[in-house]
Amino acid sequence: MSADPTELAAVQSVLRRQRAHRSFTDEAVDEPTITDILDLATRAPSAQNTQPWEFVVVQDAERRAAIWELAARLWEMGAKDATDGKVDDHMTSDVEQAVLGGFAKAPVSVVVCADTERWPANLMDSSIWPAIQNIMTAATAHGLGSALTTIGTILVDDLRSILALPETLEPKAVIPIGHPARTLGSSRREPVGEHAHREEFGRAW
């Protein structure tokens, strides 16, 4: 089966444009678009096709603010200090502005949860993260921005209370989705040759 050049080019374009967006306009995202993004998320692989994902779509402004307040609290409690020396000042400032308000402005926050009744918690990650990636890829294809965050899931009891999550659901990520407030260029990545090996480690691709 040969590749469809048009389809291949479209996929390449989406993946190369996917970036972490941290500022959003207040323009709403229509529900058919949200539904399509979630449908594409469910096309991800999962162990034994258990599909152990649950998506809580939060559009209410007060509830979104409550979720992102958890992230802001953790940032002030020490997450900011943990970034010192690991990223440049510009990125630290960008992330701080997002955590302290930028993410909350996105009209949609999707909390991705793992259903531990469908698959063991200690084996869950490989069945959840592909769906999370699909959400962000689909958002990019729709011309929207998104970002992968986990900081808001650390205060799990607080998050459970906000979303009425049962104990069997383990929150894994909170993904803000909305129209980007600014245009970002292509993602910056090291050349694949610096990370790919032929047959064995150390033999350059």
N, C-alpha and C. Protein backbone atom coordinates (compact mmCIF):
# COMPACT_ATOMS: atom_id res chain seq x y z
N MET A 1 0.85 -1.19 0.00
CA MET A 1 0.00 0.00 0.00
C MET A 1 0.88 1.24 0.00
N SER A 2 0.74 2.06 -1.04
CA SER A 2 1.56 3.25 -1.13
C SER A 2 0.93 4.41 -0.37
N ALA A 3 1.78 5.34 0.07
CA ALA A 3 1.30 6.48 0.83
C ALA A 3 0.55 7.45 -0.06
N ASP A 4 -0.48 8.04 0.48
CA ASP A 4 -1.19 9.12 -0.20
C ASP A 4 -0.40 10.40 0.06
N PRO A 5 0.22 11.00 -0.97
CA PRO A 5 1.08 12.17 -0.74
C PRO A 5 0.36 13.32 -0.03
N THR A 6 -0.91 13.54 -0.38
CA THR A 6 -1.65 14.63 0.25
C THR A 6 -1.89 14.35 1.73
N GLU A 7 -2.29 13.11 2.02
CA GLU A 7 -2.54 12.73 3.40
C GLU A 7 -1.26 12.78 4.22
N LEU A 8 -0.18 12.28 3.65
CA LEU A 8 1.11 12.28 4.34
C LEU A 8 1.56 13.70 4.65
N ALA A 9 1.43 14.58 3.68
CA ALA A 9 1.83 15.98 3.88
C ALA A 9 1.00 16.63 4.98
N ALA A 10 -0.29 16.30 5.03
CA ALA A 10 -1.15 16.88 6.06
C ALA A 10 -0.73 16.42 7.45
N VAL A 11 -0.44 15.12 7.58
CA VAL A 11 0.00 14.59 8.88
C VAL A 11 1.32 15.22 9.29
N GLN A 12 2.26 15.30 8.35
CA GLN A 12 3.55 15.90 8.65
C GLN A 12 3.39 17.35 9.10
N SER A 13 2.51 18.09 8.43
CA SER A 13 2.29 19.49 8.78
C SER A 13 1.74 19.63 10.19
N VAL A 14 0.76 18.80 10.53
CA VAL A 14 0.16 18.87 11.87
C VAL A 14 1.18 18.56 12.94
N LEU A 15 1.94 17.49 12.76
CA LEU A 15 2.89 17.08 13.79
C LEU A 15 4.01 18.10 13.95
N ARG A 16 4.40 18.75 12.86
CA ARG A 16 5.47 19.74 12.95
C ARG A 16 4.98 21.07 13.52
N ARG A 17 3.66 21.29 13.46
CA ARG A 17 3.10 22.54 14.01
C ARG A 17 2.69 22.40 15.47
N GLN A 18 2.62 21.19 15.96
CA GLN A 18 2.14 21.01 17.33
C GLN A 18 3.12 21.64 18.32
N ARG A 19 2.61 22.53 19.13
CA ARG A 19 3.41 23.23 20.13
C ARG A 19 2.64 23.32 21.42
N ALA A 20 3.33 23.61 22.51
CA ALA A 20 2.67 23.88 23.79
C ALA A 20 2.19 25.32 23.77
N HIS A 21 0.89 25.52 23.73
CA HIS A 21 0.31 26.87 23.75
C HIS A 21 -0.05 27.23 25.19
N ARG A 22 0.33 28.42 25.60
CA ARG A 22 0.12 28.82 26.98
C ARG A 22 -0.68 30.11 27.12
N SER A 23 -1.17 30.63 26.00
CA SER A 23 -2.04 31.80 26.06
C SER A 23 -3.14 31.61 25.01
N PHE A 24 -4.36 31.99 25.39
CA PHE A 24 -5.53 31.72 24.57
C PHE A 24 -6.45 32.93 24.52
N THR A 25 -7.22 33.02 23.44
CA THR A 25 -8.27 34.02 23.37
C THR A 25 -9.50 33.47 24.11
N ASP A 26 -10.51 34.30 24.25
CA ASP A 26 -11.73 33.84 24.92
C ASP A 26 -12.77 33.30 23.92
N GLU A 27 -12.36 33.15 22.66
CA GLU A 27 -13.28 32.61 21.65
C GLU A 27 -13.65 31.17 22.00
N ALA A 28 -14.93 30.87 21.95
CA ALA A 28 -15.42 29.54 22.32
C ALA A 28 -14.98 28.49 21.30
N VAL A 29 -14.92 27.26 21.76
CA VAL A 29 -14.69 26.11 20.88
C VAL A 29 -16.02 25.37 20.78
N ASP A 30 -16.53 25.19 19.56
CA ASP A 30 -17.85 24.58 19.42
C ASP A 30 -17.82 23.10 19.79
N GLU A 31 -18.98 22.61 20.20
CA GLU A 31 -19.05 21.24 20.71
C GLU A 31 -18.78 20.17 19.65
N PRO A 32 -19.18 20.36 18.38
CA PRO A 32 -18.78 19.35 17.38
C PRO A 32 -17.26 19.19 17.28
N THR A 33 -16.54 20.30 17.42
CA THR A 33 -15.08 20.22 17.37
C THR A 33 -14.55 19.46 18.58
N ILE A 34 -15.09 19.76 19.76
CA ILE A 34 -14.66 19.04 20.96
C ILE A 34 -14.95 17.55 20.82
N THR A 35 -16.14 17.24 20.32
CA THR A 35 -16.51 15.83 20.14
C THR A 35 -15.57 15.12 19.18
N ASP A 36 -15.19 15.80 18.09
CA ASP A 36 -14.27 15.19 17.13
C ASP A 36 -12.91 14.95 17.76
N ILE A 37 -12.43 15.91 18.54
CA ILE A 37 -11.13 15.76 19.21
C ILE A 37 -11.17 14.55 20.14
N LEU A 38 -12.25 14.40 20.89
CA LEU A 38 -12.36 13.26 21.80
C LEU A 38 -12.50 11.94 21.03
N ASP A 39 -13.23 11.98 19.93
CA ASP A 39 -13.36 10.76 19.12
C ASP A 39 -12.00 10.33 18.60
N LEU A 40 -11.20 11.29 18.15
CA LEU A 40 -9.87 10.96 17.66
C LEU A 40 -8.97 10.48 18.80
N ALA A 41 -9.21 10.98 20.00
CA ALA A 41 -8.45 10.48 21.16
C ALA A 41 -8.70 9.00 21.36
N THR A 42 -9.95 8.57 21.15
CA THR A 42 -10.28 7.17 21.38
C THR A 42 -9.74 6.24 20.30
N ARG A 43 -9.16 6.79 19.26
CA ARG A 43 -8.55 5.96 18.22
C ARG A 43 -7.15 5.50 18.63
N ALA A 44 -6.70 5.95 19.78
CA ALA A 44 -5.38 5.54 20.27
C ALA A 44 -5.38 4.07 20.67
N PRO A 45 -4.22 3.44 20.65
CA PRO A 45 -4.14 2.05 21.10
C PRO A 45 -4.23 1.96 22.62
N SER A 46 -4.68 0.82 23.10
CA SER A 46 -4.68 0.55 24.54
C SER A 46 -4.51 -0.95 24.75
N ALA A 47 -4.00 -1.31 25.89
CA ALA A 47 -3.74 -2.72 26.18
C ALA A 47 -5.02 -3.53 26.07
N GLN A 48 -4.97 -4.57 25.28
CA GLN A 48 -6.11 -5.47 25.07
C GLN A 48 -7.39 -4.72 24.67
N ASN A 49 -7.20 -3.56 24.06
CA ASN A 49 -8.32 -2.72 23.64
C ASN A 49 -9.28 -2.42 24.80
N THR A 50 -8.70 -2.25 25.99
CA THR A 50 -9.53 -1.97 27.17
C THR A 50 -10.10 -0.56 27.17
N GLN A 51 -9.46 0.35 26.43
CA GLN A 51 -9.93 1.74 26.34
C GLN A 51 -10.23 2.32 27.73
N PRO A 52 -9.22 2.39 28.60
CA PRO A 52 -9.46 2.76 29.99
C PRO A 52 -9.50 4.26 30.26
N TRP A 53 -9.78 5.04 29.24
CA TRP A 53 -9.78 6.49 29.39
C TRP A 53 -11.18 7.02 29.70
N GLU A 54 -11.19 8.10 30.46
CA GLU A 54 -12.41 8.88 30.70
C GLU A 54 -12.01 10.34 30.55
N PHE A 55 -12.81 11.11 29.82
CA PHE A 55 -12.50 12.51 29.56
C PHE A 55 -13.55 13.39 30.24
N VAL A 56 -13.10 14.24 31.13
CA VAL A 56 -14.01 15.20 31.76
C VAL A 56 -13.76 16.55 31.09
N VAL A 57 -14.74 17.01 30.33
CA VAL A 57 -14.61 18.26 29.57
C VAL A 57 -15.17 19.39 30.43
N VAL A 58 -14.32 20.32 30.79
CA VAL A 58 -14.72 21.41 31.68
C VAL A 58 -14.77 22.71 30.90
N GLN A 59 -15.96 23.27 30.78
CA GLN A 59 -16.15 24.54 30.08
C GLN A 59 -16.61 25.65 31.02
N ASP A 60 -17.22 25.30 32.12
CA ASP A 60 -17.68 26.29 33.08
C ASP A 60 -16.49 27.08 33.63
N ALA A 61 -16.58 28.41 33.57
CA ALA A 61 -15.44 29.26 33.92
C ALA A 61 -15.03 29.09 35.38
N GLU A 62 -15.99 28.98 36.29
CA GLU A 62 -15.65 28.85 37.70
C GLU A 62 -14.97 27.51 37.99
N ARG A 63 -15.46 26.47 37.36
CA ARG A 63 -14.84 25.16 37.58
C ARG A 63 -13.45 25.11 36.97
N ARG A 64 -13.30 25.71 35.78
CA ARG A 64 -11.95 25.78 35.18
C ARG A 64 -11.00 26.52 36.09
N ALA A 65 -11.46 27.64 36.64
CA ALA A 65 -10.61 28.43 37.52
C ALA A 65 -10.20 27.62 38.75
N ALA A 66 -11.12 26.83 39.27
CA ALA A 66 -10.82 26.02 40.45
C ALA A 66 -9.75 24.97 40.13
N ILE A 67 -9.85 24.38 38.94
CA ILE A 67 -8.85 23.39 38.54
C ILE A 67 -7.47 24.02 38.42
N TRP A 68 -7.42 25.17 37.75
CA TRP A 68 -6.11 25.79 37.52
C TRP A 68 -5.58 26.47 38.76
N GLU A 69 -6.44 26.74 39.74
CA GLU A 69 -5.95 27.27 41.01
C GLU A 69 -5.10 26.22 41.71
N LEU A 70 -5.42 24.94 41.51
CA LEU A 70 -4.60 23.88 42.07
C LEU A 70 -3.19 23.93 41.49
N ALA A 71 -3.12 24.12 40.18
CA ALA A 71 -1.80 24.22 39.53
C ALA A 71 -1.04 25.44 40.04
N ALA A 72 -1.73 26.57 40.18
CA ALA A 72 -1.08 27.78 40.67
C ALA A 72 -0.57 27.58 42.10
N ARG A 73 -1.36 26.88 42.92
CA ARG A 73 -0.95 26.63 44.29
C ARG A 73 0.33 25.80 44.34
N LEU A 74 0.39 24.77 43.50
CA LEU A 74 1.57 23.92 43.47
C LEU A 74 2.79 24.66 42.92
N TRP A 75 2.54 25.52 41.96
CA TRP A 75 3.64 26.34 41.41
C TRP A 75 4.28 27.17 42.51
N GLU A 76 3.45 27.78 43.32
CA GLU A 76 3.96 28.62 44.40
C GLU A 76 4.56 27.78 45.54
N MET A 77 4.08 26.55 45.69
CA MET A 77 4.55 25.68 46.77
C MET A 77 5.93 25.07 46.48
N GLY A 78 6.41 25.19 45.27
CA GLY A 78 7.73 24.66 44.99
C GLY A 78 7.99 24.22 43.58
N ALA A 79 6.94 24.09 42.76
CA ALA A 79 7.16 23.67 41.38
C ALA A 79 8.02 24.68 40.62
N LYS A 80 7.82 25.95 40.91
CA LYS A 80 8.62 26.98 40.24
C LYS A 80 10.10 26.81 40.59
N ASP A 81 10.37 26.58 41.88
CA ASP A 81 11.77 26.41 42.31
C ASP A 81 12.40 25.19 41.65
N ALA A 82 11.60 24.18 41.37
CA ALA A 82 12.13 22.95 40.77
C ALA A 82 12.60 23.17 39.34
N THR A 83 12.15 24.26 38.71
CA THR A 83 12.57 24.54 37.33
C THR A 83 13.88 25.33 37.27
N ASP A 84 14.30 25.88 38.39
CA ASP A 84 15.50 26.72 38.40
C ASP A 84 16.71 25.96 37.84
N GLY A 85 17.36 26.59 36.86
CA GLY A 85 18.55 25.99 36.27
C GLY A 85 18.27 24.94 35.22
N LYS A 86 16.99 24.54 35.08
CA LYS A 86 16.67 23.50 34.10
C LYS A 86 16.17 24.07 32.78
N VAL A 87 15.53 25.22 32.82
CA VAL A 87 15.05 25.89 31.60
C VAL A 87 15.46 27.35 31.65
N ASP A 88 15.44 28.00 30.50
CA ASP A 88 15.86 29.40 30.47
C ASP A 88 14.80 30.30 31.09
N ASP A 89 15.19 31.52 31.40
CA ASP A 89 14.30 32.46 32.09
C ASP A 89 13.05 32.75 31.29
N HIS A 90 13.18 32.81 29.96
CA HIS A 90 12.02 33.11 29.12
C HIS A 90 10.97 32.03 29.25
N MET A 91 11.39 30.77 29.22
CA MET A 91 10.42 29.68 29.34
C MET A 91 9.82 29.65 30.73
N THR A 92 10.64 29.88 31.75
CA THR A 92 10.11 29.90 33.11
C THR A 92 9.03 30.96 33.24
N SER A 93 9.28 32.15 32.69
CA SER A 93 8.30 33.23 32.74
C SER A 93 7.04 32.87 31.98
N ASP A 94 7.22 32.23 30.81
CA ASP A 94 6.09 31.83 29.98
C ASP A 94 5.22 30.81 30.71
N VAL A 95 5.86 29.83 31.32
CA VAL A 95 5.12 28.80 32.06
C VAL A 95 4.43 29.41 33.27
N GLU A 96 5.13 30.30 33.95
CA GLU A 96 4.53 30.92 35.14
C GLU A 96 3.27 31.69 34.78
N GLN A 97 3.32 32.48 33.71
CA GLN A 97 2.14 33.22 33.30
C GLN A 97 0.99 32.30 32.92
N ALA A 98 1.34 31.15 32.34
CA ALA A 98 0.30 30.19 31.96
C ALA A 98 -0.34 29.56 33.19
N VAL A 99 0.50 29.10 34.11
CA VAL A 99 0.00 28.43 35.31
C VAL A 99 -0.80 29.38 36.18
N LEU A 100 -0.38 30.63 36.24
CA LEU A 100 -1.04 31.60 37.10
C LEU A 100 -2.22 32.31 36.44
N GLY A 101 -2.63 31.86 35.26
CA GLY A 101 -3.81 32.48 34.65
C GLY A 101 -4.04 32.18 33.20
N GLY A 102 -2.97 31.96 32.44
CA GLY A 102 -3.12 31.76 31.01
C GLY A 102 -3.90 30.50 30.65
N PHE A 103 -3.61 29.41 31.33
CA PHE A 103 -4.32 28.17 31.04
C PHE A 103 -5.80 28.27 31.39
N ALA A 104 -6.11 28.97 32.46
CA ALA A 104 -7.51 29.10 32.89
C ALA A 104 -8.35 29.86 31.88
N LYS A 105 -7.70 30.67 31.02
CA LYS A 105 -8.44 31.44 30.03
C LYS A 105 -8.87 30.59 28.84
N ALA A 106 -8.24 29.44 28.66
CA ALA A 106 -8.67 28.55 27.58
C ALA A 106 -10.12 28.15 27.84
N PRO A 107 -11.00 28.21 26.84
CA PRO A 107 -12.42 27.94 27.07
C PRO A 107 -12.74 26.49 27.39
N VAL A 108 -11.77 25.60 27.16
CA VAL A 108 -11.99 24.17 27.43
C VAL A 108 -10.78 23.62 28.17
N SER A 109 -11.05 22.86 29.21
CA SER A 109 -10.00 22.07 29.86
C SER A 109 -10.47 20.62 29.87
N VAL A 110 -9.66 19.74 29.33
CA VAL A 110 -10.00 18.32 29.31
C VAL A 110 -9.14 17.61 30.35
N VAL A 111 -9.80 17.02 31.33
CA VAL A 111 -9.09 16.24 32.34
C VAL A 111 -9.16 14.78 31.90
N VAL A 112 -8.01 14.22 31.62
CA VAL A 112 -7.94 12.84 31.16
C VAL A 112 -7.70 11.94 32.36
N CYS A 113 -8.58 10.97 32.54
CA CYS A 113 -8.51 10.07 33.69
C CYS A 113 -8.34 8.63 33.23
N ALA A 114 -7.73 7.83 34.08
CA ALA A 114 -7.54 6.40 33.83
C ALA A 114 -8.50 5.61 34.71
N ASP A 115 -9.24 4.73 34.10
CA ASP A 115 -10.20 3.90 34.82
C ASP A 115 -9.49 2.63 35.31
N THR A 116 -9.20 2.59 36.60
CA THR A 116 -8.42 1.48 37.14
C THR A 116 -9.25 0.20 37.29
N GLU A 117 -10.53 0.28 37.02
CA GLU A 117 -11.34 -0.94 36.99
C GLU A 117 -11.21 -1.66 35.65
N ARG A 118 -10.76 -0.93 34.65
CA ARG A 118 -10.60 -1.54 33.32
C ARG A 118 -9.21 -2.12 33.12
N TRP A 119 -8.22 -1.52 33.78
CA TRP A 119 -6.84 -1.97 33.60
C TRP A 119 -6.06 -1.61 34.85
N PRO A 120 -5.10 -2.44 35.28
CA PRO A 120 -4.36 -2.17 36.52
C PRO A 120 -3.64 -0.82 36.48
N ALA A 121 -3.69 -0.12 37.60
CA ALA A 121 -3.09 1.21 37.67
C ALA A 121 -1.60 1.19 37.36
N ASN A 122 -0.88 0.16 37.79
CA ASN A 122 0.57 0.12 37.58
C ASN A 122 0.96 -0.19 36.14
N LEU A 123 -0.02 -0.54 35.31
CA LEU A 123 0.24 -0.81 33.90
C LEU A 123 -0.47 0.19 32.98
N MET A 124 -1.00 1.23 33.56
CA MET A 124 -1.94 2.10 32.86
C MET A 124 -1.31 3.06 31.85
N ASP A 125 -0.12 3.56 32.14
CA ASP A 125 0.39 4.70 31.37
C ASP A 125 0.42 4.45 29.86
N SER A 126 0.84 3.26 29.44
CA SER A 126 0.96 3.00 28.00
C SER A 126 -0.39 2.99 27.30
N SER A 127 -1.48 2.87 28.08
CA SER A 127 -2.82 2.89 27.49
C SER A 127 -3.49 4.24 27.58
N ILE A 128 -2.87 5.19 28.26
CA ILE A 128 -3.47 6.52 28.43
C ILE A 128 -2.74 7.59 27.64
N TRP A 129 -1.41 7.55 27.66
CA TRP A 129 -0.67 8.65 27.03
C TRP A 129 -0.85 8.74 25.52
N PRO A 130 -1.03 7.63 24.80
CA PRO A 130 -1.34 7.79 23.37
C PRO A 130 -2.63 8.57 23.12
N ALA A 131 -3.65 8.37 23.97
CA ALA A 131 -4.90 9.12 23.81
C ALA A 131 -4.68 10.60 24.09
N ILE A 132 -3.84 10.89 25.07
CA ILE A 132 -3.51 12.28 25.39
C ILE A 132 -2.81 12.94 24.20
N GLN A 133 -1.86 12.22 23.60
CA GLN A 133 -1.18 12.74 22.42
C GLN A 133 -2.18 12.99 21.29
N ASN A 134 -3.12 12.07 21.11
CA ASN A 134 -4.12 12.25 20.05
C ASN A 134 -4.96 13.50 20.28
N ILE A 135 -5.28 13.80 21.52
CA ILE A 135 -6.06 15.01 21.82
C ILE A 135 -5.31 16.24 21.32
N MET A 136 -4.04 16.33 21.65
CA MET A 136 -3.28 17.51 21.27
C MET A 136 -3.04 17.58 19.76
N THR A 137 -2.82 16.43 19.13
CA THR A 137 -2.65 16.40 17.68
C THR A 137 -3.94 16.81 16.98
N ALA A 138 -5.06 16.29 17.46
CA ALA A 138 -6.35 16.64 16.86
C ALA A 138 -6.65 18.12 17.06
N ALA A 139 -6.33 18.66 18.23
CA ALA A 139 -6.55 20.08 18.46
C ALA A 139 -5.76 20.92 17.47
N THR A 140 -4.51 20.54 17.23
CA THR A 140 -3.67 21.25 16.26
C THR A 140 -4.29 21.18 14.88
N ALA A 141 -4.78 20.01 14.49
CA ALA A 141 -5.39 19.85 13.17
C ALA A 141 -6.62 20.73 13.01
N HIS A 142 -7.31 21.01 14.11
CA HIS A 142 -8.48 21.89 14.09
C HIS A 142 -8.10 23.37 14.19
N GLY A 143 -6.82 23.67 14.19
CA GLY A 143 -6.38 25.06 14.28
C GLY A 143 -6.41 25.60 15.69
N LEU A 144 -6.45 24.72 16.68
CA LEU A 144 -6.50 25.13 18.07
C LEU A 144 -5.16 24.91 18.74
N GLY A 145 -4.99 25.54 19.89
CA GLY A 145 -3.80 25.34 20.70
C GLY A 145 -4.13 24.45 21.88
N SER A 146 -3.11 23.79 22.40
CA SER A 146 -3.28 22.96 23.59
C SER A 146 -1.93 22.85 24.28
N ALA A 147 -1.95 22.26 25.46
CA ALA A 147 -0.70 22.02 26.18
C ALA A 147 -0.89 20.81 27.07
N LEU A 148 0.18 20.06 27.25
CA LEU A 148 0.15 18.92 28.15
C LEU A 148 0.58 19.37 29.54
N THR A 149 -0.29 19.25 30.53
CA THR A 149 0.08 19.60 31.90
C THR A 149 -0.34 18.47 32.83
N THR A 150 0.45 18.29 33.88
CA THR A 150 0.12 17.31 34.91
C THR A 150 0.11 17.93 36.30
N ILE A 151 0.58 19.15 36.43
CA ILE A 151 0.72 19.77 37.74
C ILE A 151 -0.61 19.83 38.49
N GLY A 152 -1.71 20.02 37.77
CA GLY A 152 -3.01 20.12 38.42
C GLY A 152 -3.54 18.81 38.95
N THR A 153 -2.88 17.70 38.58
CA THR A 153 -3.36 16.39 39.03
C THR A 153 -2.69 15.95 40.33
N ILE A 154 -1.71 16.69 40.79
CA ILE A 154 -0.95 16.27 41.97
C ILE A 154 -1.79 16.37 43.24
N LEU A 155 -2.58 17.43 43.35
CA LEU A 155 -3.49 17.55 44.48
C LEU A 155 -4.76 16.78 44.13
N VAL A 156 -4.60 15.47 44.11
CA VAL A 156 -5.63 14.61 43.52
C VAL A 156 -6.94 14.66 44.28
N ASP A 157 -6.91 14.75 45.60
CA ASP A 157 -8.15 14.79 46.35
C ASP A 157 -8.95 16.05 46.05
N ASP A 158 -8.24 17.17 45.90
CA ASP A 158 -8.91 18.43 45.56
C ASP A 158 -9.53 18.33 44.17
N LEU A 159 -8.78 17.75 43.24
CA LEU A 159 -9.29 17.61 41.88
C LEU A 159 -10.48 16.67 41.84
N ARG A 160 -10.42 15.59 42.60
CA ARG A 160 -11.57 14.68 42.68
C ARG A 160 -12.82 15.42 43.17
N SER A 161 -12.64 16.28 44.15
CA SER A 161 -13.77 17.03 44.70
C SER A 161 -14.38 17.97 43.67
N ILE A 162 -13.53 18.66 42.92
CA ILE A 162 -14.01 19.61 41.92
C ILE A 162 -14.80 18.90 40.83
N LEU A 163 -14.35 17.71 40.45
CA LEU A 163 -14.93 17.00 39.31
C LEU A 163 -15.82 15.83 39.69
N ALA A 164 -15.99 15.60 40.98
CA ALA A 164 -16.79 14.47 41.47
C ALA A 164 -16.26 13.14 40.93
N LEU A 165 -14.95 12.98 40.93
CA LEU A 165 -14.33 11.77 40.41
C LEU A 165 -14.41 10.65 41.44
N PRO A 166 -14.83 9.46 41.03
CA PRO A 166 -14.78 8.31 41.93
C PRO A 166 -13.34 7.88 42.17
N GLU A 167 -13.13 7.09 43.21
CA GLU A 167 -11.78 6.63 43.55
C GLU A 167 -11.17 5.77 42.45
N THR A 168 -12.00 5.16 41.63
CA THR A 168 -11.50 4.28 40.57
C THR A 168 -10.92 5.04 39.39
N LEU A 169 -11.14 6.37 39.34
CA LEU A 169 -10.59 7.17 38.24
C LEU A 169 -9.37 7.93 38.74
N GLU A 170 -8.27 7.75 38.04
CA GLU A 170 -7.02 8.42 38.40
C GLU A 170 -6.72 9.50 37.36
N PRO A 171 -6.78 10.79 37.76
CA PRO A 171 -6.49 11.85 36.80
C PRO A 171 -5.02 11.82 36.38
N LYS A 172 -4.81 11.92 35.08
CA LYS A 172 -3.46 11.83 34.53
C LYS A 172 -2.95 13.14 33.96
N ALA A 173 -3.83 13.92 33.37
CA ALA A 173 -3.41 15.15 32.71
C ALA A 173 -4.57 16.12 32.62
N VAL A 174 -4.24 17.40 32.56
CA VAL A 174 -5.22 18.45 32.29
C VAL A 174 -4.74 19.19 31.05
N ILE A 175 -5.57 19.19 30.02
CA ILE A 175 -5.18 19.77 28.74
C ILE A 175 -6.05 20.99 28.43
N PRO A 176 -5.50 22.20 28.48
CA PRO A 176 -6.26 23.37 28.04
C PRO A 176 -6.34 23.37 26.52
N ILE A 177 -7.51 23.72 26.00
CA ILE A 177 -7.71 23.77 24.55
C ILE A 177 -8.43 25.06 24.21
N GLY A 178 -7.95 25.77 23.21
CA GLY A 178 -8.61 26.99 22.78
C GLY A 178 -7.91 27.59 21.57
N HIS A 179 -8.40 28.73 21.15
CA HIS A 179 -7.78 29.44 20.04
C HIS A 179 -6.54 30.17 20.55
N PRO A 180 -5.39 29.95 19.93
CA PRO A 180 -4.16 30.56 20.42
C PRO A 180 -4.21 32.08 20.39
N ALA A 181 -3.68 32.69 21.43
CA ALA A 181 -3.60 34.15 21.48
C ALA A 181 -2.45 34.66 20.63
N ARG A 182 -1.51 33.80 20.32
CA ARG A 182 -0.40 34.19 19.44
C ARG A 182 0.03 32.99 18.62
N THR A 183 0.57 33.29 17.45
CA THR A 183 1.01 32.24 16.54
C THR A 183 2.40 31.77 16.91
N LEU A 184 2.57 30.46 16.97
CA LEU A 184 3.88 29.89 17.27
C LEU A 184 4.43 29.23 16.01
N GLY A 185 5.73 29.24 15.87
CA GLY A 185 6.36 28.60 14.74
C GLY A 185 6.44 27.09 14.94
N SER A 186 7.18 26.43 14.07
CA SER A 186 7.35 24.99 14.19
C SER A 186 8.09 24.64 15.48
N SER A 187 7.85 23.43 15.96
CA SER A 187 8.53 22.99 17.17
C SER A 187 10.04 22.92 16.94
N ARG A 188 10.79 23.21 17.98
CA ARG A 188 12.25 23.18 17.90
C ARG A 188 12.73 21.85 18.47
N ARG A 189 13.37 21.06 17.66
CA ARG A 189 13.84 19.75 18.09
C ARG A 189 15.27 19.51 17.60
N GLU A 190 16.02 18.75 18.37
CA GLU A 190 17.35 18.35 17.95
C GLU A 190 17.23 17.41 16.75
N PRO A 191 18.23 17.38 15.87
CA PRO A 191 18.16 16.52 14.68
C PRO A 191 17.95 15.06 15.08
N VAL A 192 17.14 14.36 14.31
CA VAL A 192 16.83 12.96 14.62
C VAL A 192 18.10 12.12 14.67
N GLY A 193 19.10 12.51 13.89
CA GLY A 193 20.34 11.76 13.88
C GLY A 193 21.08 11.75 15.21
N GLU A 194 20.76 12.72 16.07
CA GLU A 194 21.40 12.76 17.38
C GLU A 194 20.75 11.79 18.36
N HIS A 195 19.62 11.21 17.97
CA HIS A 195 18.90 10.33 18.90
C HIS A 195 18.55 8.97 18.29
N ALA A 196 18.91 8.75 17.04
CA ALA A 196 18.57 7.50 16.37
C ALA A 196 19.84 6.69 16.12
N HIS A 197 19.72 5.38 16.23
CA HIS A 197 20.87 4.49 16.13
C HIS A 197 20.55 3.34 15.18
N ARG A 198 21.57 2.84 14.52
CA ARG A 198 21.38 1.77 13.54
C ARG A 198 21.82 0.43 14.16
N GLU A 199 20.85 -0.44 14.37
CA GLU A 199 21.09 -1.81 14.84
C GLU A 199 21.48 -1.89 16.32
N GLU A 200 22.36 -0.98 16.77
CA GLU A 200 22.79 -0.99 18.16
C GLU A 200 23.11 0.43 18.58
N PHE A 201 23.07 0.67 19.89
CA PHE A 201 23.33 2.02 20.39
C PHE A 201 24.76 2.45 20.04
N GLY A 202 24.86 3.70 19.57
CA GLY A 202 26.17 4.25 19.26
C GLY A 202 26.51 4.26 17.79
N ARG A 203 25.77 3.47 16.98
CA ARG A 203 25.98 3.49 15.53
C ARG A 203 24.98 4.47 14.94
N ALA A 204 25.50 5.57 14.45
CA ALA A 204 24.62 6.67 13.99
C ALA A 204 23.70 6.23 12.87
N TRP A 205 22.50 6.77 12.91
CA TRP A 205 21.50 6.51 11.87
C TRP A 205 21.92 7.20 10.58
